[in-house]
Amino acid sequence: MAETVEQSYNQQTSYNAVAGMASALQIRLDTSKLLEDIEMYLKASQIIVKKDEVSGKIFTAQVLLGTPKANAAGIQSILNCVSTVINPQVVQGNFPSEAKGVCNMFDNYIEELNINIASNLVSNSYEYGMKESDVEEVCDFIMMLCIPFMTRLIDNKERDSYAATIKTNESNVVKNQDTGGFRLFGSSSP
């Protein structure tokens, strides 16, 4: 990710003040928070709010809370992999269901995703600097975020709900430009 999580957090915090002015569609499609949650987990860090004792300014800092689950290259590689699933384009797909509560396409996708993430982590754990004991935990953490995200595709409910989100009303007004009546084509003669 080009910017640090801390920079993104600061931008998001200041953005919250004007979130009411943001497009509801933009808010619904923003996946950066999910990816940042994964990054913070992998780095074993947390964003905390601090106050500078000298100037009194409030700022945020990223603090390490434990041992990172992977090295920097590994974290970036895992995030790149996960961002192919958690992104605004994917969530606009469609998993049709066969019956109420039954969606084989979703179930198959989640099973395949779990296998692919686990395989990626196992085969690259040495390069990623991961402990063998952390591989399953990292996979489970990622899947716990991917599963609810991907449920948005079932029965096309995500795109169906856009209609209410982006509904607009249009009206036309015909104005009387002089007291002689309405002019349809702009001519001054009656």
C-alpha atoms as a PDB file:
ATOM      1  CA  MET A   1       0.000   0.000   0.000  1.00  0.00           C
ATOM      2  CA  ALA A   2       1.442   3.347  -1.024  1.00  0.00           C
ATOM      3  CA  GLU A   3       0.485   5.221   2.120  1.00  0.00           C
ATOM      4  CA  THR A   4       1.012   4.031   5.648  1.00  0.00           C
ATOM      5  CA  VAL A   5      -1.877   2.790   7.731  1.00  0.00           C
ATOM      6  CA  GLU A   6      -1.309   5.684  10.113  1.00  0.00           C
ATOM      7  CA  GLN A   7      -1.651   8.249   7.298  1.00  0.00           C
ATOM      8  CA  SER A   8      -4.799   6.537   6.089  1.00  0.00           C
ATOM      9  CA  TYR A   9      -6.186   6.479   9.633  1.00  0.00           C
ATOM     10  CA  ASN A  10      -5.531  10.222  10.010  1.00  0.00           C
ATOM     11  CA  GLN A  11      -7.254  10.923   6.699  1.00  0.00           C
ATOM     12  CA  GLN A  12     -10.185   8.682   7.629  1.00  0.00           C
ATOM     13  CA  THR A  13     -10.522  10.349  11.036  1.00  0.00           C
ATOM     14  CA  SER A  14     -10.677  13.820   9.494  1.00  0.00           C
ATOM     15  CA  TYR A  15     -12.931  12.471   6.739  1.00  0.00           C
ATOM     16  CA  ASN A  16     -15.466  11.302   9.332  1.00  0.00           C
ATOM     17  CA  ALA A  17     -16.361  14.931  10.011  1.00  0.00           C
ATOM     18  CA  VAL A  18     -17.604  15.316   6.445  1.00  0.00           C
ATOM     19  CA  ALA A  19     -18.841  11.764   5.921  1.00  0.00           C
ATOM     20  CA  GLY A  20     -22.381  13.078   5.797  1.00  0.00           C
ATOM     21  CA  MET A  21     -21.506  14.880   2.583  1.00  0.00           C
ATOM     22  CA  ALA A  22     -19.932  11.832   0.970  1.00  0.00           C
ATOM     23  CA  SER A  23     -21.859   9.744  -1.461  1.00  0.00           C
ATOM     24  CA  ALA A  24     -23.569   6.808   0.238  1.00  0.00           C
ATOM     25  CA  LEU A  25     -22.360   4.687  -2.653  1.00  0.00           C
ATOM     26  CA  GLN A  26     -18.730   5.720  -2.038  1.00  0.00           C
ATOM     27  CA  ILE A  27     -19.024   4.775   1.622  1.00  0.00           C
ATOM     28  CA  ARG A  28     -20.556   1.382   0.815  1.00  0.00           C
ATOM     29  CA  LEU A  29     -17.888   0.535  -1.753  1.00  0.00           C
ATOM     30  CA  ASP A  30     -14.880   1.667   0.309  1.00  0.00           C
ATOM     31  CA  THR A  31     -12.896  -1.434   1.259  1.00  0.00           C
ATOM     32  CA  SER A  32      -9.819   0.292   2.670  1.00  0.00           C
ATOM     33  CA  LYS A  33     -10.899  -0.214   6.302  1.00  0.00           C
ATOM     34  CA  LEU A  34     -11.096  -4.008   5.895  1.00  0.00           C
ATOM     35  CA  LEU A  35      -7.671  -4.132   4.274  1.00  0.00           C
ATOM     36  CA  GLU A  36      -6.233  -1.883   6.974  1.00  0.00           C
ATOM     37  CA  ASP A  37      -7.675  -4.182   9.663  1.00  0.00           C
ATOM     38  CA  ILE A  38      -5.834  -7.099   8.067  1.00  0.00           C
ATOM     39  CA  GLU A  39      -2.632  -5.072   7.803  1.00  0.00           C
ATOM     40  CA  MET A  40      -2.804  -4.008  11.452  1.00  0.00           C
ATOM     41  CA  TYR A  41      -3.389  -7.608  12.504  1.00  0.00           C
ATOM     42  CA  LEU A  42      -0.427  -8.851  10.452  1.00  0.00           C
ATOM     43  CA  LYS A  43       1.812  -6.103  11.849  1.00  0.00           C
ATOM     44  CA  ALA A  44       0.561  -6.761  15.412  1.00  0.00           C
ATOM     45  CA  SER A  45       0.017  -3.055  15.792  1.00  0.00           C
ATOM     46  CA  GLN A  46      -2.648  -0.591  16.737  1.00  0.00           C
ATOM     47  CA  ILE A  47      -3.280   3.086  16.087  1.00  0.00           C
ATOM     48  CA  ILE A  48      -3.445   5.123  19.282  1.00  0.00           C
ATOM     49  CA  VAL A  49      -4.234   8.785  19.815  1.00  0.00           C
ATOM     50  CA  LYS A  50      -1.564  10.822  21.611  1.00  0.00           C
ATOM     51  CA  LYS A  51      -1.100  14.392  22.721  1.00  0.00           C
ATOM     52  CA  ASP A  52       2.184  16.216  22.250  1.00  0.00           C
ATOM     53  CA  GLU A  53       3.131  17.484  25.710  1.00  0.00           C
ATOM     54  CA  VAL A  54       4.922  20.562  24.360  1.00  0.00           C
ATOM     55  CA  SER A  55       2.576  21.831  21.657  1.00  0.00           C
ATOM     56  CA  GLY A  56      -0.630  20.211  22.903  1.00  0.00           C
ATOM     57  CA  LYS A  57      -1.399  18.919  19.417  1.00  0.00           C
ATOM     58  CA  ILE A  58      -3.311  15.665  19.084  1.00  0.00           C
ATOM     59  CA  PHE A  59      -1.851  13.066  16.714  1.00  0.00           C
ATOM     60  CA  THR A  60      -1.992   9.355  16.055  1.00  0.00           C
ATOM     61  CA  ALA A  61       0.804   6.845  16.234  1.00  0.00           C
ATOM     62  CA  GLN A  62       1.080   3.242  15.245  1.00  0.00           C
ATOM     63  CA  VAL A  63       2.365   1.139  18.144  1.00  0.00           C
ATOM     64  CA  LEU A  64       3.594  -2.438  18.112  1.00  0.00           C
ATOM     65  CA  LEU A  65       1.616  -4.678  20.471  1.00  0.00           C
ATOM     66  CA  GLY A  66       3.295  -8.006  19.830  1.00  0.00           C
ATOM     67  CA  THR A  67       5.223  -9.959  17.259  1.00  0.00           C
ATOM     68  CA  PRO A  68       4.234  -9.342  13.624  1.00  0.00           C
ATOM     69  CA  LYS A  69       2.772 -12.375  11.863  1.00  0.00           C
ATOM     70  CA  ALA A  70       4.992 -11.812   8.799  1.00  0.00           C
ATOM     71  CA  ASN A  71       7.831  -9.628   7.537  1.00  0.00           C
ATOM     72  CA  ALA A  72       7.146  -6.446   5.540  1.00  0.00           C
ATOM     73  CA  ALA A  73       7.362  -8.185   2.157  1.00  0.00           C
ATOM     74  CA  GLY A  74       5.106 -10.978   3.396  1.00  0.00           C
ATOM     75  CA  ILE A  75       2.531  -8.539   4.748  1.00  0.00           C
ATOM     76  CA  GLN A  76       2.455  -6.683   1.439  1.00  0.00           C
ATOM     77  CA  SER A  77       2.147  -9.915  -0.528  1.00  0.00           C
ATOM     78  CA  ILE A  78      -0.721 -11.126   1.676  1.00  0.00           C
ATOM     79  CA  LEU A  79      -2.490  -7.770   1.328  1.00  0.00           C
ATOM     80  CA  ASN A  80      -2.080  -7.887  -2.451  1.00  0.00           C
ATOM     81  CA  CYS A  81      -3.629 -11.348  -2.492  1.00  0.00           C
ATOM     82  CA  VAL A  82      -6.538 -10.365  -0.237  1.00  0.00           C
ATOM     83  CA  SER A  83      -7.216  -7.165  -2.191  1.00  0.00           C
ATOM     84  CA  THR A  84      -8.117  -9.299  -5.208  1.00  0.00           C
ATOM     85  CA  VAL A  85     -11.123 -10.457  -3.176  1.00  0.00           C
ATOM     86  CA  ILE A  86     -11.926  -7.436  -0.990  1.00  0.00           C
ATOM     87  CA  ASN A  87     -12.405  -4.657  -3.520  1.00  0.00           C
ATOM     88  CA  PRO A  88     -15.275  -2.544  -4.909  1.00  0.00           C
ATOM     89  CA  GLN A  89     -15.433  -4.400  -8.214  1.00  0.00           C
ATOM     90  CA  VAL A  90     -15.805  -7.885  -6.717  1.00  0.00           C
ATOM     91  CA  VAL A  91     -18.652  -6.855  -4.427  1.00  0.00           C
ATOM     92  CA  GLN A  92     -20.723  -5.916  -7.460  1.00  0.00           C
ATOM     93  CA  GLY A  93     -20.872  -9.535  -8.638  1.00  0.00           C
ATOM     94  CA  ASN A  94     -23.752 -11.949  -8.294  1.00  0.00           C
ATOM     95  CA  PHE A  95     -24.070 -15.335  -6.592  1.00  0.00           C
ATOM     96  CA  PRO A  96     -27.573 -16.591  -7.435  1.00  0.00           C
ATOM     97  CA  SER A  97     -29.153 -18.806  -4.781  1.00  0.00           C
ATOM     98  CA  GLU A  98     -30.915 -22.061  -5.535  1.00  0.00           C
ATOM     99  CA  ALA A  99     -33.324 -21.787  -2.605  1.00  0.00           C
ATOM    100  CA  LYS A 100     -33.755 -19.683   0.502  1.00  0.00           C
ATOM    101  CA  GLY A 101     -30.499 -19.980   2.433  1.00  0.00           C
ATOM    102  CA  VAL A 102     -28.813 -22.132  -0.243  1.00  0.00           C
ATOM    103  CA  CYS A 103     -26.168 -20.618  -2.505  1.00  0.00           C
ATOM    104  CA  ASN A 104     -23.832 -23.234  -3.912  1.00  0.00           C
ATOM    105  CA  MET A 105     -21.827 -20.692  -5.908  1.00  0.00           C
ATOM    106  CA  PHE A 106     -21.036 -18.756  -2.702  1.00  0.00           C
ATOM    107  CA  ASP A 107     -20.192 -21.940  -0.774  1.00  0.00           C
ATOM    108  CA  ASN A 108     -17.863 -23.162  -3.554  1.00  0.00           C
ATOM    109  CA  TYR A 109     -16.189 -19.754  -3.824  1.00  0.00           C
ATOM    110  CA  ILE A 110     -15.521 -19.563  -0.077  1.00  0.00           C
ATOM    111  CA  GLU A 111     -14.152 -23.119  -0.019  1.00  0.00           C
ATOM    112  CA  GLU A 112     -11.834 -22.401  -2.947  1.00  0.00           C
ATOM    113  CA  LEU A 113     -10.761 -19.061  -1.443  1.00  0.00           C
ATOM    114  CA  ASN A 114      -9.916 -20.723   1.866  1.00  0.00           C
ATOM    115  CA  ILE A 115      -7.844 -23.389   0.090  1.00  0.00           C
ATOM    116  CA  ASN A 116      -6.032 -20.786  -2.029  1.00  0.00           C
ATOM    117  CA  ILE A 117      -5.186 -18.520   0.899  1.00  0.00           C
ATOM    118  CA  ALA A 118      -4.027 -21.450   3.031  1.00  0.00           C
ATOM    119  CA  SER A 119      -1.910 -22.831   0.155  1.00  0.00           C
ATOM    120  CA  ASN A 120      -0.371 -19.412  -0.477  1.00  0.00           C
ATOM    121  CA  LEU A 121       0.513 -18.984   3.199  1.00  0.00           C
ATOM    122  CA  VAL A 122       1.919 -22.497   3.593  1.00  0.00           C
ATOM    123  CA  SER A 123       4.016 -22.447   0.435  1.00  0.00           C
ATOM    124  CA  ASN A 124       5.366 -18.932   1.090  1.00  0.00           C
ATOM    125  CA  SER A 125       5.596 -18.971   4.897  1.00  0.00           C
ATOM    126  CA  TYR A 126       9.394 -19.135   4.846  1.00  0.00           C
ATOM    127  CA  GLU A 127       9.684 -16.177   2.465  1.00  0.00           C
ATOM    128  CA  TYR A 128       7.033 -14.275   4.435  1.00  0.00           C
ATOM    129  CA  GLY A 129       8.913 -14.856   7.691  1.00  0.00           C
ATOM    130  CA  MET A 130       5.884 -16.587   9.217  1.00  0.00           C
ATOM    131  CA  LYS A 131       5.938 -19.112  12.006  1.00  0.00           C
ATOM    132  CA  GLU A 132       4.307 -22.397  11.070  1.00  0.00           C
ATOM    133  CA  SER A 133       2.033 -22.040  14.091  1.00  0.00           C
ATOM    134  CA  ASP A 134       0.680 -18.695  12.764  1.00  0.00           C
ATOM    135  CA  VAL A 135      -0.338 -19.877   9.288  1.00  0.00           C
ATOM    136  CA  GLU A 136      -3.743 -21.275  10.245  1.00  0.00           C
ATOM    137  CA  GLU A 137      -4.517 -18.301  12.502  1.00  0.00           C
ATOM    138  CA  VAL A 138      -3.699 -15.803   9.741  1.00  0.00           C
ATOM    139  CA  CYS A 139      -5.800 -17.745   7.238  1.00  0.00           C
ATOM    140  CA  ASP A 140      -8.745 -17.881   9.668  1.00  0.00           C
ATOM    141  CA  PHE A 141      -8.503 -14.148  10.413  1.00  0.00           C
ATOM    142  CA  ILE A 142      -8.565 -13.263   6.717  1.00  0.00           C
ATOM    143  CA  MET A 143     -11.444 -15.644   6.027  1.00  0.00           C
ATOM    144  CA  MET A 144     -13.492 -14.169   8.891  1.00  0.00           C
ATOM    145  CA  LEU A 145     -13.380 -10.838   7.054  1.00  0.00           C
ATOM    146  CA  CYS A 146     -13.809 -12.258   3.545  1.00  0.00           C
ATOM    147  CA  ILE A 147     -16.863 -14.413   4.294  1.00  0.00           C
ATOM    148  CA  PRO A 148     -19.213 -11.604   5.409  1.00  0.00           C
ATOM    149  CA  PHE A 149     -17.863  -9.352   2.667  1.00  0.00           C
ATOM    150  CA  MET A 150     -18.649 -11.934  -0.006  1.00  0.00           C
ATOM    151  CA  THR A 151     -22.197 -12.533   1.295  1.00  0.00           C
ATOM    152  CA  ARG A 152     -23.018  -9.168  -0.245  1.00  0.00           C
ATOM    153  CA  LEU A 153     -23.012 -10.907  -3.635  1.00  0.00           C
ATOM    154  CA  ILE A 154     -25.734 -13.445  -2.814  1.00  0.00           C
ATOM    155  CA  ASP A 155     -28.843 -12.889  -4.972  1.00  0.00           C
ATOM    156  CA  ASN A 156     -27.401  -9.642  -6.335  1.00  0.00           C
ATOM    157  CA  LYS A 157     -28.667  -7.815  -3.236  1.00  0.00           C
ATOM    158  CA  GLU A 158     -25.712  -5.433  -3.232  1.00  0.00           C
ATOM    159  CA  ARG A 159     -26.447  -3.994  -6.674  1.00  0.00           C
ATOM    160  CA  ASP A 160     -30.218  -4.150  -6.111  1.00  0.00           C
ATOM    161  CA  SER A 161     -29.808  -1.945  -3.059  1.00  0.00           C
ATOM    162  CA  TYR A 162     -27.935   0.692  -5.095  1.00  0.00           C
ATOM    163  CA  ALA A 163     -31.246   1.861  -6.572  1.00  0.00           C
ATOM    164  CA  ALA A 164     -32.358   3.278  -3.239  1.00  0.00           C
ATOM    165  CA  THR A 165     -28.887   4.640  -2.495  1.00  0.00           C
ATOM    166  CA  ILE A 166     -28.471   6.596  -5.725  1.00  0.00           C
ATOM    167  CA  LYS A 167     -32.114   7.461  -6.402  1.00  0.00           C
ATOM    168  CA  THR A 168     -32.497  10.953  -7.781  1.00  0.00           C
ATOM    169  CA  ASN A 169     -35.479  13.150  -8.456  1.00  0.00           C
ATOM    170  CA  GLU A 170     -35.645  15.385 -11.466  1.00  0.00           C
ATOM    171  CA  SER A 171     -38.065  18.220 -12.157  1.00  0.00           C
ATOM    172  CA  ASN A 172     -38.472  20.720 -14.956  1.00  0.00           C
ATOM    173  CA  VAL A 173     -39.836  24.209 -14.465  1.00  0.00           C
ATOM    174  CA  VAL A 174     -41.184  26.408 -17.239  1.00  0.00           C
ATOM    175  CA  LYS A 175     -40.775  30.090 -16.420  1.00  0.00           C
ATOM    176  CA  ASN A 176     -42.800  32.954 -17.785  1.00  0.00           C
ATOM    177  CA  GLN A 177     -40.163  35.424 -19.038  1.00  0.00           C
ATOM    178  CA  ASP A 178     -42.492  38.334 -19.659  1.00  0.00           C
ATOM    179  CA  THR A 179     -46.131  39.158 -19.102  1.00  0.00           C
ATOM    180  CA  GLY A 180     -47.030  38.280 -22.690  1.00  0.00           C
ATOM    181  CA  GLY A 181     -47.274  34.541 -21.951  1.00  0.00           C
ATOM    182  CA  PHE A 182     -44.921  31.623 -22.390  1.00  0.00           C
ATOM    183  CA  ARG A 183     -42.332  31.701 -25.155  1.00  0.00           C
ATOM    184  CA  LEU A 184     -41.649  28.245 -26.489  1.00  0.00           C
ATOM    185  CA  PHE A 185     -38.842  29.006 -28.934  1.00  0.00           C
ATOM    186  CA  GLY A 186     -37.457  32.278 -27.672  1.00  0.00           C
ATOM    187  CA  SER A 187     -39.046  34.519 -30.314  1.00  0.00           C
ATOM    188  CA  SER A 188     -40.472  37.862 -29.196  1.00  0.00           C
ATOM    189  CA  SER A 189     -43.457  37.731 -31.582  1.00  0.00           C
ATOM    190  CA  PRO A 190     -46.733  36.175 -30.363  1.00  0.00           C
END
